[in-house]
Amino acid sequence: MPDNEQGKELRRHGRRNYENTIHYCLNPRSDEGLLIGYGIDISEFGISMVTSYLLQKGQEITIKSSLPVAHRSAIVRWIKKHKENWYQVGLEFTV
């Protein structure tokens, strides 16, 4: 998650490293169009990953991979360019 102007971390909850492949899709009712991301870190309330697919802020995704939390749906809260054709995204889990 980006820092504020003073460089202070804005996250409300502690995160731990989570370096795993994440399979996700945009349609919660289907595995068609399965996309791949790579986890960076995770908390009880969200996850950060990099992906080559340009997601949109506010977009909902469904995570198909096994995670160490019960959640499977998430909303894109922030996006930043990671490398050429790669994006880092912050996802907040939804109930």
Protein backbone atom coordinates (compact mmCIF):
# COMPACT_ATOMS: atom_id res chain seq x y z
CA MET A 1 0.00 0.00 0.00
CA PRO A 2 1.37 3.41 -0.79
CA ASP A 3 2.63 5.59 2.04
CA ASN A 4 1.08 8.96 2.84
CA GLU A 5 2.91 12.27 2.23
CA GLN A 6 4.95 11.89 5.43
CA GLY A 7 6.07 8.39 4.43
CA LYS A 8 3.93 6.76 7.13
CA GLU A 9 2.50 3.30 6.40
CA LEU A 10 -1.28 3.50 5.88
CA ARG A 11 -2.18 -0.16 6.52
CA ARG A 12 -4.52 -0.80 9.42
CA HIS A 13 -3.48 -4.44 9.90
CA GLY A 14 -0.12 -6.21 10.03
CA ARG A 15 0.93 -8.25 7.02
CA ARG A 16 3.18 -11.25 6.58
CA ASN A 17 5.08 -12.43 3.52
CA TYR A 18 3.05 -14.56 1.14
CA GLU A 19 5.10 -15.53 -1.90
CA ASN A 20 2.75 -17.89 -3.74
CA THR A 21 1.01 -18.10 -7.08
CA ILE A 22 -2.57 -16.82 -6.95
CA HIS A 23 -5.18 -17.93 -9.47
CA TYR A 24 -8.11 -15.55 -9.74
CA CYS A 25 -10.95 -14.67 -12.08
CA LEU A 26 -13.26 -11.76 -12.75
CA ASN A 27 -16.41 -13.90 -12.94
CA PRO A 28 -17.19 -15.53 -9.56
CA ARG A 29 -19.46 -18.14 -11.19
CA SER A 30 -16.87 -19.57 -13.54
CA ASP A 31 -13.26 -20.70 -13.79
CA GLU A 32 -13.23 -19.49 -17.37
CA GLY A 33 -10.74 -16.70 -17.91
CA LEU A 34 -8.54 -17.76 -15.00
CA LEU A 35 -5.74 -15.23 -14.41
CA ILE A 36 -2.48 -15.52 -12.50
CA GLY A 37 -0.92 -13.25 -9.91
CA TYR A 38 2.01 -13.64 -7.54
CA GLY A 39 1.48 -12.92 -3.84
CA ILE A 40 3.67 -10.49 -1.96
CA ASP A 41 2.05 -10.28 1.45
CA ILE A 42 -1.20 -11.11 3.21
CA SER A 43 -3.22 -10.25 6.31
CA GLU A 44 -6.54 -11.33 7.71
CA PHE A 45 -8.15 -8.48 5.75
CA GLY A 46 -6.29 -8.31 2.44
CA ILE A 47 -3.51 -9.35 0.12
CA SER A 48 -1.00 -7.67 -2.17
CA MET A 49 0.04 -9.29 -5.44
CA VAL A 50 1.62 -8.53 -8.79
CA THR A 51 -0.14 -9.43 -12.02
CA SER A 52 0.24 -8.70 -15.70
CA TYR A 53 -3.52 -8.11 -16.02
CA LEU A 54 -4.47 -4.46 -15.49
CA LEU A 55 -7.22 -4.54 -12.88
CA GLN A 56 -9.28 -1.44 -12.06
CA LYS A 57 -9.69 0.21 -8.68
CA GLY A 58 -13.01 -0.95 -7.19
CA GLN A 59 -13.12 -4.10 -9.34
CA GLU A 60 -14.13 -7.32 -7.57
CA ILE A 61 -12.20 -10.54 -8.17
CA THR A 62 -12.65 -14.11 -6.99
CA ILE A 63 -9.57 -15.96 -5.73
CA LYS A 64 -9.53 -19.60 -6.78
CA SER A 65 -6.24 -20.57 -5.09
CA SER A 66 -6.02 -21.89 -1.57
CA LEU A 67 -5.15 -19.13 0.90
CA PRO A 68 -4.28 -19.22 4.61
CA VAL A 69 -7.48 -17.20 5.25
CA ALA A 70 -11.14 -18.08 4.65
CA HIS A 71 -11.85 -15.27 2.19
CA ARG A 72 -12.21 -15.82 -1.56
CA SER A 73 -13.58 -12.50 -2.84
CA ALA A 74 -11.66 -9.24 -2.85
CA ILE A 75 -11.95 -5.66 -4.09
CA VAL A 76 -9.05 -3.82 -5.72
CA ARG A 77 -8.19 -0.89 -3.42
CA TRP A 78 -5.02 0.40 -5.11
CA ILE A 79 -2.85 -0.22 -8.15
CA LYS A 80 0.67 0.85 -9.02
CA LYS A 81 2.94 0.07 -11.94
CA HIS A 82 5.43 -2.59 -10.85
CA LYS A 83 7.52 -3.23 -13.96
CA GLU A 84 6.84 -3.05 -17.67
CA ASN A 85 3.46 -4.75 -18.21
CA TRP A 86 3.21 -5.74 -14.51
CA TYR A 87 1.11 -4.14 -11.78
CA GLN A 88 1.11 -4.40 -8.01
CA VAL A 89 -2.39 -4.36 -6.55
CA GLY A 90 -3.74 -4.12 -3.04
CA LEU A 91 -6.84 -6.24 -2.47
CA GLU A 92 -9.26 -6.01 0.45
CA PHE A 93 -11.13 -9.21 1.24
CA THR A 94 -14.91 -9.05 1.20
CA VAL A 95 -17.34 -11.16 3.18
